[in-house]
Amino acid sequence: MIVKVLLLTVVILAIAFIGFAISILIKKNGRFPELHIGRNEELKKRGISCATSQHKMEQDKVKKARQFNKLSLLDKELESL
């Protein structure tokens, strides 16, 4: 009984992999579809990006703002002298 279920599972998985391989071969470029959000052109057009990339961009904004605030404080000190 267990052997039959295992054999049936292997056959179904093999059919699925063969179907996926055939679909890739038939496509124009013959590559796997791009699944990463940051490199997907359709998502870029809609303004959707990777959460990790958005986090890094926000960290850069905060870092630049802090540097700007420090510079402006230094400029104020220089002006007061």
N, C-alpha and C. Protein backbone atom coordinates (compact mmCIF):
# COMPACT_ATOMS: atom_id res chain seq x y z
N MET A 1 0.83 -1.20 0.00
CA MET A 1 0.00 0.00 0.00
C MET A 1 0.87 1.26 0.00
N ILE A 2 1.88 1.32 0.89
CA ILE A 2 2.76 2.48 0.97
C ILE A 2 3.58 2.62 -0.30
N VAL A 3 3.99 1.50 -0.86
CA VAL A 3 4.78 1.51 -2.09
C VAL A 3 3.95 2.08 -3.24
N LYS A 4 2.66 1.75 -3.30
CA LYS A 4 1.79 2.25 -4.37
C LYS A 4 1.64 3.76 -4.26
N VAL A 5 1.44 4.27 -3.04
CA VAL A 5 1.28 5.70 -2.84
C VAL A 5 2.58 6.43 -3.19
N LEU A 6 3.71 5.86 -2.77
CA LEU A 6 5.01 6.46 -3.08
C LEU A 6 5.25 6.48 -4.59
N LEU A 7 4.95 5.40 -5.26
CA LEU A 7 5.12 5.31 -6.71
C LEU A 7 4.20 6.32 -7.42
N LEU A 8 2.97 6.43 -6.97
CA LEU A 8 2.03 7.37 -7.56
C LEU A 8 2.52 8.81 -7.37
N THR A 9 3.07 9.11 -6.20
CA THR A 9 3.60 10.44 -5.92
C THR A 9 4.77 10.77 -6.84
N VAL A 10 5.66 9.81 -7.02
CA VAL A 10 6.82 10.02 -7.89
C VAL A 10 6.37 10.25 -9.33
N VAL A 11 5.39 9.50 -9.79
CA VAL A 11 4.89 9.65 -11.16
C VAL A 11 4.26 11.03 -11.34
N ILE A 12 3.46 11.47 -10.38
CA ILE A 12 2.81 12.78 -10.49
C ILE A 12 3.85 13.90 -10.49
N LEU A 13 4.85 13.80 -9.63
CA LEU A 13 5.91 14.81 -9.61
C LEU A 13 6.70 14.81 -10.91
N ALA A 14 6.97 13.65 -11.47
CA ALA A 14 7.70 13.56 -12.74
C ALA A 14 6.90 14.23 -13.85
N ILE A 15 5.60 13.99 -13.89
CA ILE A 15 4.76 14.62 -14.91
C ILE A 15 4.76 16.14 -14.75
N ALA A 16 4.71 16.60 -13.52
CA ALA A 16 4.72 18.05 -13.27
C ALA A 16 6.04 18.67 -13.73
N PHE A 17 7.16 18.04 -13.42
CA PHE A 17 8.46 18.56 -13.84
C PHE A 17 8.62 18.54 -15.35
N ILE A 18 8.15 17.50 -15.98
CA ILE A 18 8.23 17.41 -17.44
C ILE A 18 7.38 18.52 -18.07
N GLY A 19 6.20 18.75 -17.52
CA GLY A 19 5.34 19.81 -18.04
C GLY A 19 5.98 21.18 -17.89
N PHE A 20 6.60 21.41 -16.76
CA PHE A 20 7.28 22.69 -16.52
C PHE A 20 8.45 22.86 -17.49
N ALA A 21 9.21 21.79 -17.69
CA ALA A 21 10.35 21.85 -18.61
C ALA A 21 9.88 22.13 -20.04
N ILE A 22 8.81 21.52 -20.45
CA ILE A 22 8.29 21.74 -21.80
C ILE A 22 7.82 23.19 -21.95
N SER A 23 7.16 23.72 -20.93
CA SER A 23 6.70 25.10 -21.02
C SER A 23 7.88 26.07 -21.13
N ILE A 24 8.97 25.78 -20.47
CA ILE A 24 10.16 26.64 -20.56
C ILE A 24 10.78 26.53 -21.95
N LEU A 25 10.82 25.34 -22.51
CA LEU A 25 11.40 25.15 -23.84
C LEU A 25 10.57 25.83 -24.93
N ILE A 26 9.27 25.87 -24.74
CA ILE A 26 8.39 26.45 -25.76
C ILE A 26 8.44 27.97 -25.73
N LYS A 27 8.72 28.56 -24.59
CA LYS A 27 8.75 30.03 -24.48
C LYS A 27 9.83 30.62 -25.37
N LYS A 28 9.68 31.90 -25.66
CA LYS A 28 10.57 32.60 -26.57
C LYS A 28 12.01 32.62 -26.07
N ASN A 29 12.23 33.05 -24.82
CA ASN A 29 13.59 33.14 -24.29
C ASN A 29 14.10 31.84 -23.72
N GLY A 30 13.22 30.95 -23.35
CA GLY A 30 13.63 29.67 -22.80
C GLY A 30 14.27 29.76 -21.44
N ARG A 31 13.88 30.76 -20.63
CA ARG A 31 14.45 30.93 -19.29
C ARG A 31 13.36 30.74 -18.25
N PHE A 32 13.81 30.54 -17.03
CA PHE A 32 12.87 30.48 -15.93
C PHE A 32 12.26 31.86 -15.74
N PRO A 33 11.03 31.94 -15.34
CA PRO A 33 10.44 33.26 -15.10
C PRO A 33 11.13 33.95 -13.92
N GLU A 34 11.24 35.26 -14.00
CA GLU A 34 11.89 36.04 -12.94
C GLU A 34 10.91 36.19 -11.78
N LEU A 35 11.27 35.63 -10.65
CA LEU A 35 10.39 35.64 -9.50
C LEU A 35 10.79 36.67 -8.45
N HIS A 36 12.00 37.19 -8.54
CA HIS A 36 12.44 38.18 -7.56
C HIS A 36 11.74 39.50 -7.83
N ILE A 37 11.20 40.10 -6.81
CA ILE A 37 10.40 41.32 -6.96
C ILE A 37 11.23 42.47 -7.53
N GLY A 38 12.44 42.59 -7.08
CA GLY A 38 13.28 43.71 -7.49
C GLY A 38 13.66 43.71 -8.96
N ARG A 39 13.62 42.56 -9.61
CA ARG A 39 14.02 42.48 -11.01
C ARG A 39 12.83 42.25 -11.95
N ASN A 40 11.62 42.25 -11.43
CA ASN A 40 10.44 42.02 -12.25
C ASN A 40 9.98 43.35 -12.86
N GLU A 41 9.98 43.42 -14.19
CA GLU A 41 9.67 44.67 -14.88
C GLU A 41 8.22 45.11 -14.65
N GLU A 42 7.29 44.19 -14.63
CA GLU A 42 5.89 44.54 -14.44
C GLU A 42 5.66 45.17 -13.07
N LEU A 43 6.31 44.62 -12.06
CA LEU A 43 6.16 45.19 -10.71
C LEU A 43 6.84 46.55 -10.62
N LYS A 44 7.94 46.73 -11.32
CA LYS A 44 8.62 48.03 -11.33
C LYS A 44 7.72 49.10 -11.95
N LYS A 45 7.01 48.72 -13.02
CA LYS A 45 6.11 49.67 -13.68
C LYS A 45 5.01 50.13 -12.73
N ARG A 46 4.58 49.25 -11.85
CA ARG A 46 3.51 49.56 -10.90
C ARG A 46 4.03 50.22 -9.63
N GLY A 47 5.34 50.37 -9.53
CA GLY A 47 5.93 51.03 -8.35
C GLY A 47 6.10 50.11 -7.16
N ILE A 48 6.06 48.80 -7.40
CA ILE A 48 6.22 47.84 -6.32
C ILE A 48 7.66 47.36 -6.31
N SER A 49 8.28 47.40 -5.14
CA SER A 49 9.66 46.93 -5.06
C SER A 49 9.82 46.02 -3.85
N CYS A 50 10.98 45.44 -3.76
CA CYS A 50 11.30 44.49 -2.70
C CYS A 50 11.33 45.20 -1.35
N ALA A 51 10.82 44.55 -0.32
CA ALA A 51 10.80 45.14 1.02
C ALA A 51 12.21 45.41 1.52
N THR A 52 13.14 44.55 1.19
CA THR A 52 14.53 44.75 1.61
C THR A 52 15.10 45.99 0.93
N SER A 53 14.81 46.16 -0.35
CA SER A 53 15.30 47.33 -1.07
C SER A 53 14.68 48.61 -0.53
N GLN A 54 13.39 48.58 -0.23
CA GLN A 54 12.73 49.74 0.34
C GLN A 54 13.33 50.09 1.70
N HIS A 55 13.63 49.09 2.49
CA HIS A 55 14.22 49.32 3.81
C HIS A 55 15.59 49.99 3.66
N LYS A 56 16.40 49.50 2.73
CA LYS A 56 17.71 50.09 2.51
C LYS A 56 17.60 51.54 2.04
N MET A 57 16.64 51.82 1.16
CA MET A 57 16.45 53.19 0.68
C MET A 57 16.05 54.12 1.83
N GLU A 58 15.17 53.65 2.70
CA GLU A 58 14.75 54.46 3.84
C GLU A 58 15.90 54.69 4.81
N GLN A 59 16.73 53.68 5.01
CA GLN A 59 17.90 53.85 5.87
C GLN A 59 18.86 54.90 5.29
N ASP A 60 19.03 54.87 3.96
CA ASP A 60 19.89 55.86 3.32
C ASP A 60 19.33 57.27 3.48
N LYS A 61 18.01 57.41 3.37
CA LYS A 61 17.39 58.73 3.55
C LYS A 61 17.64 59.26 4.95
N VAL A 62 17.47 58.39 5.95
CA VAL A 62 17.68 58.81 7.34
C VAL A 62 19.13 59.17 7.56
N LYS A 63 20.03 58.38 7.01
CA LYS A 63 21.46 58.65 7.17
C LYS A 63 21.83 60.00 6.55
N LYS A 64 21.30 60.28 5.35
CA LYS A 64 21.58 61.56 4.70
C LYS A 64 20.98 62.71 5.50
N ALA A 65 19.77 62.51 6.05
CA ALA A 65 19.13 63.56 6.84
C ALA A 65 19.95 63.85 8.09
N ARG A 66 20.46 62.83 8.73
CA ARG A 66 21.29 63.04 9.92
C ARG A 66 22.57 63.80 9.57
N GLN A 67 23.19 63.42 8.44
CA GLN A 67 24.39 64.11 8.02
C GLN A 67 24.08 65.56 7.70
N PHE A 68 22.94 65.82 7.08
CA PHE A 68 22.55 67.19 6.76
C PHE A 68 22.32 67.99 8.04
N ASN A 69 21.65 67.37 9.01
CA ASN A 69 21.42 68.07 10.28
C ASN A 69 22.73 68.38 10.99
N LYS A 70 23.67 67.46 10.95
CA LYS A 70 24.96 67.71 11.58
C LYS A 70 25.69 68.85 10.87
N LEU A 71 25.62 68.86 9.55
CA LEU A 71 26.27 69.93 8.81
C LEU A 71 25.63 71.28 9.11
N SER A 72 24.32 71.29 9.20
CA SER A 72 23.66 72.56 9.46
C SER A 72 23.98 73.06 10.87
N LEU A 73 24.13 72.16 11.83
CA LEU A 73 24.52 72.57 13.18
C LEU A 73 25.93 73.14 13.18
N LEU A 74 26.82 72.51 12.44
CA LEU A 74 28.18 73.02 12.35
C LEU A 74 28.20 74.39 11.69
N ASP A 75 27.39 74.56 10.66
CA ASP A 75 27.33 75.86 9.99
C ASP A 75 26.82 76.93 10.94
N LYS A 76 25.84 76.61 11.77
CA LYS A 76 25.32 77.57 12.74
C LYS A 76 26.39 77.96 13.75
N GLU A 77 27.17 76.98 14.17
CA GLU A 77 28.24 77.27 15.12
C GLU A 77 29.30 78.18 14.49
N LEU A 78 29.62 77.90 13.23
CA LEU A 78 30.61 78.73 12.55
C LEU A 78 30.10 80.15 12.36
N GLU A 79 28.83 80.29 12.10
CA GLU A 79 28.25 81.62 11.91
C GLU A 79 28.25 82.42 13.21
N SER A 80 28.06 81.71 14.33
CA SER A 80 27.99 82.41 15.61
C SER A 80 29.36 82.93 16.05
N LEU A 81 30.42 82.38 15.52
CA LEU A 81 31.79 82.84 15.88
C LEU A 81 32.09 84.07 15.16
